[in-house]
Amino acid sequence: MVVRSDRGNVLDWRKSSISGASGECVEVAPWRALVLVRDSRAPERGEMELSRERWHGLLTCIRAGRCDVLPRLR
Protein backbone atom coordinates (compact mmCIF):
# COMPACT_ATOMS: atom_id res chain seq x y z
CA MET A 1 0.00 0.00 0.00
CA VAL A 2 1.30 3.47 -0.86
CA VAL A 3 0.50 6.11 1.71
CA ARG A 4 0.82 9.85 1.29
CA SER A 5 1.62 11.65 4.49
CA ASP A 6 3.71 14.38 6.03
CA ARG A 7 5.66 11.98 8.25
CA GLY A 8 8.28 11.68 5.49
CA ASN A 9 9.61 15.09 6.46
CA VAL A 10 10.58 14.03 9.98
CA LEU A 11 11.98 10.56 9.35
CA ASP A 12 15.61 9.55 8.95
CA TRP A 13 15.55 8.53 5.28
CA ARG A 14 18.55 6.57 3.99
CA LYS A 15 19.61 6.08 0.39
CA SER A 16 21.96 3.42 -0.89
CA SER A 17 25.51 4.63 -1.46
CA ILE A 18 25.49 2.66 -4.74
CA SER A 19 23.07 5.17 -6.28
CA GLY A 20 25.95 7.61 -6.75
CA ALA A 21 25.42 10.97 -8.38
CA SER A 22 22.44 9.85 -10.46
CA GLY A 23 20.16 9.81 -7.43
CA GLU A 24 17.97 7.17 -9.04
CA CYS A 25 17.32 5.06 -6.03
CA VAL A 26 14.83 4.26 -3.36
CA GLU A 27 15.05 5.58 0.17
CA VAL A 28 14.11 3.65 3.29
CA ALA A 29 13.25 4.72 6.81
CA PRO A 30 12.25 2.75 9.88
CA TRP A 31 8.95 3.84 11.38
CA ARG A 32 7.40 2.04 14.34
CA ALA A 33 7.15 -1.66 13.37
CA LEU A 34 7.43 -0.87 9.65
CA VAL A 35 10.01 -0.03 7.02
CA LEU A 36 8.92 2.75 4.69
CA VAL A 37 10.17 2.82 1.10
CA ARG A 38 9.89 5.74 -1.32
CA ASP A 39 11.22 6.91 -4.68
CA SER A 40 14.08 9.32 -4.01
CA ARG A 41 13.20 11.33 -7.13
CA ALA A 42 9.53 11.76 -6.19
CA PRO A 43 9.12 11.57 -2.40
CA GLU A 44 5.89 13.55 -2.61
CA ARG A 45 4.21 10.55 -4.26
CA GLY A 46 4.13 8.70 -0.96
CA GLU A 47 5.70 5.72 0.74
CA MET A 48 5.24 1.99 0.62
CA GLU A 49 4.78 0.37 4.04
CA LEU A 50 6.43 -3.00 4.59
CA SER A 51 6.55 -5.06 7.75
CA ARG A 52 10.09 -5.79 8.86
CA GLU A 53 9.58 -9.42 7.84
CA ARG A 54 8.51 -8.43 4.33
CA TRP A 55 11.41 -5.98 4.09
CA HIS A 56 13.90 -8.71 4.97
CA GLY A 57 12.19 -11.03 2.47
CA LEU A 58 12.52 -8.39 -0.25
CA LEU A 59 16.22 -7.92 0.53
CA THR A 60 16.76 -11.68 0.37
CA CYS A 61 15.03 -11.80 -3.03
CA ILE A 62 17.08 -8.90 -4.38
CA ARG A 63 20.38 -10.30 -3.14
CA ALA A 64 19.58 -13.67 -4.72
CA GLY A 65 18.85 -11.99 -8.08
CA ARG A 66 15.23 -13.09 -8.15
CA CYS A 67 13.80 -9.56 -8.29
CA ASP A 68 15.66 -8.21 -11.31
CA VAL A 69 13.45 -6.20 -13.65
CA LEU A 70 15.70 -6.73 -16.65
CA PRO A 71 17.12 -10.11 -17.63
CA ARG A 72 20.75 -10.58 -16.69
CA LEU A 73 23.25 -10.34 -19.52
CA ARG A 74 25.82 -13.11 -19.60
PDB file of N, CA and C in Angstrom:
ATOM      1  N   MET A   1       0.840  -1.172   0.000  1.00  0.00           N
ATOM      2  CA  MET A   1       0.000   0.000   0.000  1.00  0.00           C
ATOM      3  C   MET A   1       0.885   1.234   0.000  1.00  0.00           C
ATOM      4  N   VAL A   2       0.577   2.198  -0.822  1.00  0.00           N
ATOM      5  CA  VAL A   2       1.297   3.466  -0.864  1.00  0.00           C
ATOM      6  C   VAL A   2       0.487   4.488  -0.082  1.00  0.00           C
ATOM      7  N   VAL A   3       1.157   5.146   0.832  1.00  0.00           N
ATOM      8  CA  VAL A   3       0.505   6.113   1.710  1.00  0.00           C
ATOM      9  C   VAL A   3       1.139   7.475   1.494  1.00  0.00           C
ATOM     10  N   ARG A   4       0.307   8.486   1.350  1.00  0.00           N
ATOM     11  CA  ARG A   4       0.823   9.853   1.286  1.00  0.00           C
ATOM     12  C   ARG A   4       0.632  10.486   2.650  1.00  0.00           C
ATOM     13  N   SER A   5       1.716  11.038   3.171  1.00  0.00           N
ATOM     14  CA  SER A   5       1.623  11.648   4.492  1.00  0.00           C
ATOM     15  C   SER A   5       2.710  12.690   4.644  1.00  0.00           C
ATOM     16  N   ASP A   6       2.663  13.407   5.751  1.00  0.00           N
ATOM     17  CA  ASP A   6       3.712  14.381   6.033  1.00  0.00           C
ATOM     18  C   ASP A   6       4.777  13.813   6.955  1.00  0.00           C
ATOM     19  N   ARG A   7       4.659  12.552   7.344  1.00  0.00           N
ATOM     20  CA  ARG A   7       5.658  11.980   8.246  1.00  0.00           C
ATOM     21  C   ARG A   7       7.007  11.824   7.572  1.00  0.00           C
ATOM     22  N   GLY A   8       7.029  11.817   6.225  1.00  0.00           N
ATOM     23  CA  GLY A   8       8.279  11.685   5.493  1.00  0.00           C
ATOM     24  C   GLY A   8       9.256  12.806   5.770  1.00  0.00           C
ATOM     25  N   ASN A   9       8.747  13.946   6.182  1.00  0.00           N
ATOM     26  CA  ASN A   9       9.607  15.093   6.456  1.00  0.00           C
ATOM     27  C   ASN A   9      10.383  14.958   7.753  1.00  0.00           C
ATOM     28  N   VAL A  10       9.937  14.126   8.672  1.00  0.00           N
ATOM     29  CA  VAL A  10      10.585  14.034   9.975  1.00  0.00           C
ATOM     30  C   VAL A  10      11.344  12.727  10.179  1.00  0.00           C
ATOM     31  N   LEU A  11      11.319  11.844   9.213  1.00  0.00           N
ATOM     32  CA  LEU A  11      11.979  10.555   9.346  1.00  0.00           C
ATOM     33  C   LEU A  11      13.429  10.627   8.893  1.00  0.00           C
ATOM     34  N   ASP A  12      14.210   9.657   9.331  1.00  0.00           N
ATOM     35  CA  ASP A  12      15.612   9.555   8.950  1.00  0.00           C
ATOM     36  C   ASP A  12      15.719   8.672   7.707  1.00  0.00           C
ATOM     37  N   TRP A  13      15.511   9.264   6.530  1.00  0.00           N
ATOM     38  CA  TRP A  13      15.546   8.525   5.275  1.00  0.00           C
ATOM     39  C   TRP A  13      16.987   8.221   4.903  1.00  0.00           C
ATOM     40  N   ARG A  14      17.217   6.986   4.433  1.00  0.00           N
ATOM     41  CA  ARG A  14      18.552   6.574   3.989  1.00  0.00           C
ATOM     42  C   ARG A  14      18.472   6.120   2.543  1.00  0.00           C
ATOM     43  N   LYS A  15      19.522   6.473   1.789  1.00  0.00           N
ATOM     44  CA  LYS A  15      19.612   6.085   0.390  1.00  0.00           C
ATOM     45  C   LYS A  15      20.876   5.251   0.224  1.00  0.00           C
ATOM     46  N   SER A  16      20.811   4.273  -0.643  1.00  0.00           N
ATOM     47  CA  SER A  16      21.957   3.416  -0.890  1.00  0.00           C
ATOM     48  C   SER A  16      23.123   4.234  -1.436  1.00  0.00           C
ATOM     49  N   SER A  17      24.318   3.936  -0.965  1.00  0.00           N
ATOM     50  CA  SER A  17      25.509   4.626  -1.464  1.00  0.00           C
ATOM     51  C   SER A  17      25.810   4.229  -2.906  1.00  0.00           C
ATOM     52  N   ILE A  18      25.256   3.126  -3.371  1.00  0.00           N
ATOM     53  CA  ILE A  18      25.494   2.664  -4.736  1.00  0.00           C
ATOM     54  C   ILE A  18      24.768   3.529  -5.762  1.00  0.00           C
ATOM     55  N   SER A  19      23.814   4.340  -5.335  1.00  0.00           N
ATOM     56  CA  SER A  19      23.069   5.171  -6.279  1.00  0.00           C
ATOM     57  C   SER A  19      23.948   6.251  -6.884  1.00  0.00           C
ATOM     58  N   GLY A  20      25.006   6.635  -6.204  1.00  0.00           N
ATOM     59  CA  GLY A  20      25.950   7.611  -6.750  1.00  0.00           C
ATOM     60  C   GLY A  20      25.323   8.949  -7.045  1.00  0.00           C
ATOM     61  N   ALA A  21      25.864   9.615  -8.046  1.00  0.00           N
ATOM     62  CA  ALA A  21      25.422  10.967  -8.379  1.00  0.00           C
ATOM     63  C   ALA A  21      24.084  10.984  -9.109  1.00  0.00           C
ATOM     64  N   SER A  22      23.684   9.869  -9.689  1.00  0.00           N
ATOM     65  CA  SER A  22      22.441   9.853 -10.461  1.00  0.00           C
ATOM     66  C   SER A  22      21.221  10.080  -9.583  1.00  0.00           C
ATOM     67  N   GLY A  23      21.276   9.623  -8.341  1.00  0.00           N
ATOM     68  CA  GLY A  23      20.160   9.811  -7.431  1.00  0.00           C
ATOM     69  C   GLY A  23      18.961   8.940  -7.725  1.00  0.00           C
ATOM     70  N   GLU A  24      19.085   8.043  -8.687  1.00  0.00           N
ATOM     71  CA  GLU A  24      17.973   7.166  -9.038  1.00  0.00           C
ATOM     72  C   GLU A  24      17.975   5.957  -8.120  1.00  0.00           C
ATOM     73  N   CYS A  25      17.286   6.104  -7.034  1.00  0.00           N
ATOM     74  CA  CYS A  25      17.322   5.062  -6.027  1.00  0.00           C
ATOM     75  C   CYS A  25      16.069   5.159  -5.169  1.00  0.00           C
ATOM     76  N   VAL A  26      15.878   4.176  -4.357  1.00  0.00           N
ATOM     77  CA  VAL A  26      14.828   4.257  -3.356  1.00  0.00           C
ATOM     78  C   VAL A  26      15.450   4.672  -2.035  1.00  0.00           C
ATOM     79  N   GLU A  27      14.630   5.217  -1.174  1.00  0.00           N
ATOM     80  CA  GLU A  27      15.048   5.576   0.174  1.00  0.00           C
ATOM     81  C   GLU A  27      14.227   4.746   1.144  1.00  0.00           C
ATOM     82  N   VAL A  28      14.818   4.420   2.262  1.00  0.00           N
ATOM     83  CA  VAL A  28      14.109   3.654   3.287  1.00  0.00           C
ATOM     84  C   VAL A  28      14.237   4.361   4.624  1.00  0.00           C
ATOM     85  N   ALA A  29      13.233   4.154   5.464  1.00  0.00           N
ATOM     86  CA  ALA A  29      13.245   4.719   6.810  1.00  0.00           C
ATOM     87  C   ALA A  29      12.467   3.800   7.738  1.00  0.00           C
ATOM     88  N   PRO A  30      13.021   3.503   8.895  1.00  0.00           N
ATOM     89  CA  PRO A  30      12.245   2.745   9.875  1.00  0.00           C
ATOM     90  C   PRO A  30      11.192   3.652  10.495  1.00  0.00           C
ATOM     91  N   TRP A  31      10.017   3.092  10.728  1.00  0.00           N
ATOM     92  CA  TRP A  31       8.948   3.844  11.384  1.00  0.00           C
ATOM     93  C   TRP A  31       8.085   2.854  12.149  1.00  0.00           C
ATOM     94  N   ARG A  32       8.111   2.968  13.453  1.00  0.00           N
ATOM     95  CA  ARG A  32       7.398   2.043  14.337  1.00  0.00           C
ATOM     96  C   ARG A  32       7.790   0.611  13.998  1.00  0.00           C
ATOM     97  N   ALA A  33       6.839  -0.254  13.688  1.00  0.00           N
ATOM     98  CA  ALA A  33       7.153  -1.656  13.373  1.00  0.00           C
ATOM     99  C   ALA A  33       7.288  -1.872  11.870  1.00  0.00           C
ATOM    100  N   LEU A  34       7.405  -0.778  11.104  1.00  0.00           N
ATOM    101  CA  LEU A  34       7.431  -0.871   9.646  1.00  0.00           C
ATOM    102  C   LEU A  34       8.740  -0.356   9.077  1.00  0.00           C
ATOM    103  N   VAL A  35       8.960  -0.656   7.802  1.00  0.00           N
ATOM    104  CA  VAL A  35      10.008  -0.027   7.018  1.00  0.00           C
ATOM    105  C   VAL A  35       9.292   0.676   5.876  1.00  0.00           C
ATOM    106  N   LEU A  36       9.543   1.966   5.745  1.00  0.00           N
ATOM    107  CA  LEU A  36       8.924   2.748   4.686  1.00  0.00           C
ATOM    108  C   LEU A  36       9.891   2.848   3.516  1.00  0.00           C
ATOM    109  N   VAL A  37       9.358   2.774   2.309  1.00  0.00           N
ATOM    110  CA  VAL A  37      10.168   2.821   1.100  1.00  0.00           C
ATOM    111  C   VAL A  37       9.549   3.864   0.176  1.00  0.00           C
ATOM    112  N   ARG A  38      10.398   4.735  -0.397  1.00  0.00           N
ATOM    113  CA  ARG A  38       9.893   5.741  -1.322  1.00  0.00           C
ATOM    114  C   ARG A  38      10.883   5.971  -2.455  1.00  0.00           C
ATOM    115  N   ASP A  39      10.395   6.541  -3.526  1.00  0.00           N
ATOM    116  CA  ASP A  39      11.219   6.907  -4.678  1.00  0.00           C
ATOM    117  C   ASP A  39      11.968   8.185  -4.319  1.00  0.00           C
ATOM    118  N   SER A  40      13.289   8.148  -4.398  1.00  0.00           N
ATOM    119  CA  SER A  40      14.076   9.320  -4.015  1.00  0.00           C
ATOM    120  C   SER A  40      13.858  10.510  -4.951  1.00  0.00           C
ATOM    121  N   ARG A  41      13.441  10.248  -6.183  1.00  0.00           N
ATOM    122  CA  ARG A  41      13.198  11.334  -7.133  1.00  0.00           C
ATOM    123  C   ARG A  41      11.818  11.940  -6.996  1.00  0.00           C
ATOM    124  N   ALA A  42      10.906  11.249  -6.324  1.00  0.00           N
ATOM    125  CA  ALA A  42       9.534  11.757  -6.192  1.00  0.00           C
ATOM    126  C   ALA A  42       8.976  11.417  -4.816  1.00  0.00           C
ATOM    127  N   PRO A  43       9.595  11.914  -3.745  1.00  0.00           N
ATOM    128  CA  PRO A  43       9.122  11.568  -2.403  1.00  0.00           C
ATOM    129  C   PRO A  43       7.704  12.040  -2.109  1.00  0.00           C
ATOM    130  N   GLU A  44       7.246  13.034  -2.838  1.00  0.00           N
ATOM    131  CA  GLU A  44       5.890  13.552  -2.614  1.00  0.00           C
ATOM    132  C   GLU A  44       4.813  12.567  -3.060  1.00  0.00           C
ATOM    133  N   ARG A  45       5.193  11.533  -3.787  1.00  0.00           N
ATOM    134  CA  ARG A  45       4.211  10.548  -4.264  1.00  0.00           C
ATOM    135  C   ARG A  45       3.818   9.552  -3.189  1.00  0.00           C
ATOM    136  N   GLY A  46       4.503   9.557  -2.064  1.00  0.00           N
ATOM    137  CA  GLY A  46       4.125   8.699  -0.957  1.00  0.00           C
ATOM    138  C   GLY A  46       5.132   7.597  -0.679  1.00  0.00           C
ATOM    139  N   GLU A  47       4.812   6.793   0.312  1.00  0.00           N
ATOM    140  CA  GLU A  47       5.696   5.717   0.737  1.00  0.00           C
ATOM    141  C   GLU A  47       4.978   4.382   0.690  1.00  0.00           C
ATOM    142  N   MET A  48       5.749   3.345   0.506  1.00  0.00           N
ATOM    143  CA  MET A  48       5.237   1.986   0.616  1.00  0.00           C
ATOM    144  C   MET A  48       5.541   1.510   2.031  1.00  0.00           C
ATOM    145  N   GLU A  49       4.590   0.893   2.681  1.00  0.00           N
ATOM    146  CA  GLU A  49       4.783   0.372   4.036  1.00  0.00           C
ATOM    147  C   GLU A  49       5.015  -1.130   3.969  1.00  0.00           C
ATOM    148  N   LEU A  50       6.131  -1.573   4.529  1.00  0.00           N
ATOM    149  CA  LEU A  50       6.431  -2.998   4.594  1.00  0.00           C
ATOM    150  C   LEU A  50       6.679  -3.389   6.040  1.00  0.00           C
ATOM    151  N   SER A  51       6.171  -4.549   6.435  1.00  0.00           N
ATOM    152  CA  SER A  51       6.548  -5.061   7.754  1.00  0.00           C
ATOM    153  C   SER A  51       8.038  -5.381   7.705  1.00  0.00           C
ATOM    154  N   ARG A  52       8.665  -5.466   8.838  1.00  0.00           N
ATOM    155  CA  ARG A  52      10.094  -5.790   8.862  1.00  0.00           C
ATOM    156  C   ARG A  52      10.354  -7.163   8.253  1.00  0.00           C
ATOM    157  N   GLU A  53       9.425  -8.095   8.429  1.00  0.00           N
ATOM    158  CA  GLU A  53       9.578  -9.424   7.843  1.00  0.00           C
ATOM    159  C   GLU A  53       9.537  -9.356   6.318  1.00  0.00           C
ATOM    160  N   ARG A  54       8.600  -8.584   5.788  1.00  0.00           N
ATOM    161  CA  ARG A  54       8.507  -8.431   4.327  1.00  0.00           C
ATOM    162  C   ARG A  54       9.731  -7.699   3.773  1.00  0.00           C
ATOM    163  N   TRP A  55      10.221  -6.712   4.509  1.00  0.00           N
ATOM    164  CA  TRP A  55      11.412  -5.978   4.091  1.00  0.00           C
ATOM    165  C   TRP A  55      12.606  -6.931   3.989  1.00  0.00           C
ATOM    166  N   HIS A  56      12.793  -7.759   5.001  1.00  0.00           N
ATOM    167  CA  HIS A  56      13.905  -8.714   4.968  1.00  0.00           C
ATOM    168  C   HIS A  56      13.714  -9.737   3.850  1.00  0.00           C
ATOM    169  N   GLY A  57      12.475 -10.133   3.585  1.00  0.00           N
ATOM    170  CA  GLY A  57      12.189 -11.033   2.470  1.00  0.00           C
ATOM    171  C   GLY A  57      12.530 -10.395   1.131  1.00  0.00           C
ATOM    172  N   LEU A  58      12.202  -9.110   0.979  1.00  0.00           N
ATOM    173  CA  LEU A  58      12.524  -8.394  -0.253  1.00  0.00           C
ATOM    174  C   LEU A  58      14.033  -8.307  -0.432  1.00  0.00           C
ATOM    175  N   LEU A  59      14.756  -7.981   0.621  1.00  0.00           N
ATOM    176  CA  LEU A  59      16.217  -7.916   0.534  1.00  0.00           C
ATOM    177  C   LEU A  59      16.807  -9.263   0.141  1.00  0.00           C
ATOM    178  N   THR A  60      16.281 -10.331   0.708  1.00  0.00           N
ATOM    179  CA  THR A  60      16.756 -11.676   0.370  1.00  0.00           C
ATOM    180  C   THR A  60      16.525 -11.962  -1.113  1.00  0.00           C
ATOM    181  N   CYS A  61      15.362 -11.608  -1.615  1.00  0.00           N
ATOM    182  CA  CYS A  61      15.025 -11.800  -3.029  1.00  0.00           C
ATOM    183  C   CYS A  61      15.963 -10.996  -3.927  1.00  0.00           C
ATOM    184  N   ILE A  62      16.203  -9.760  -3.581  1.00  0.00           N
ATOM    185  CA  ILE A  62      17.079  -8.901  -4.382  1.00  0.00           C
ATOM    186  C   ILE A  62      18.495  -9.446  -4.393  1.00  0.00           C
ATOM    187  N   ARG A  63      19.006  -9.794  -3.225  1.00  0.00           N
ATOM    188  CA  ARG A  63      20.380 -10.303  -3.137  1.00  0.00           C
ATOM    189  C   ARG A  63      20.562 -11.613  -3.897  1.00  0.00           C
ATOM    190  N   ALA A  64      19.507 -12.401  -4.004  1.00  0.00           N
ATOM    191  CA  ALA A  64      19.576 -13.674  -4.725  1.00  0.00           C
ATOM    192  C   ALA A  64      19.364 -13.491  -6.229  1.00  0.00           C
ATOM    193  N   GLY A  65      19.056 -12.259  -6.669  1.00  0.00           N
ATOM    194  CA  GLY A  65      18.855 -11.987  -8.084  1.00  0.00           C
ATOM    195  C   GLY A  65      17.500 -12.408  -8.607  1.00  0.00           C
ATOM    196  N   ARG A  66      16.560 -12.653  -7.720  1.00  0.00           N
ATOM    197  CA  ARG A  66      15.229 -13.092  -8.154  1.00  0.00           C
ATOM    198  C   ARG A  66      14.261 -11.935  -8.379  1.00  0.00           C
ATOM    199  N   CYS A  67      14.696 -10.714  -8.142  1.00  0.00           N
ATOM    200  CA  CYS A  67      13.799  -9.556  -8.289  1.00  0.00           C
ATOM    201  C   CYS A  67      14.270  -8.614  -9.384  1.00  0.00           C
ATOM    202  N   ASP A  68      15.162  -9.070 -10.240  1.00  0.00           N
ATOM    203  CA  ASP A  68      15.658  -8.207 -11.311  1.00  0.00           C
ATOM    204  C   ASP A  68      14.536  -7.888 -12.292  1.00  0.00           C
ATOM    205  N   VAL A  69      14.455  -6.627 -12.685  1.00  0.00           N
ATOM    206  CA  VAL A  69      13.453  -6.199 -13.645  1.00  0.00           C
ATOM    207  C   VAL A  69      13.895  -6.590 -15.048  1.00  0.00           C
ATOM    208  N   LEU A  70      15.155  -6.410 -15.339  1.00  0.00           N
ATOM    209  CA  LEU A  70      15.697  -6.734 -16.652  1.00  0.00           C
ATOM    210  C   LEU A  70      16.426  -8.070 -16.583  1.00  0.00           C
ATOM    211  N   PRO A  71      16.393  -8.847 -17.645  1.00  0.00           N
ATOM    212  CA  PRO A  71      17.123 -10.115 -17.630  1.00  0.00           C
ATOM    213  C   PRO A  71      18.625  -9.856 -17.519  1.00  0.00           C
ATOM    214  N   ARG A  72      19.306 -10.726 -16.847  1.00  0.00           N
ATOM    215  CA  ARG A  72      20.752 -10.578 -16.694  1.00  0.00           C
ATOM    216  C   ARG A  72      21.449 -10.892 -18.016  1.00  0.00           C
ATOM    217  N   LEU A  73      22.440 -10.093 -18.330  1.00  0.00           N
ATOM    218  CA  LEU A  73      23.249 -10.340 -19.522  1.00  0.00           C
ATOM    219  C   LEU A  73      24.421 -11.225 -19.129  1.00  0.00           C
ATOM    220  N   ARG A  74      24.696 -12.217 -19.922  1.00  0.00           N
ATOM    221  CA  ARG A  74      25.818 -13.111 -19.603  1.00  0.00           C
ATOM    222  C   ARG A  74      26.864 -13.034 -20.666  1.00  0.00           C
TER     223      ARG A  74
END
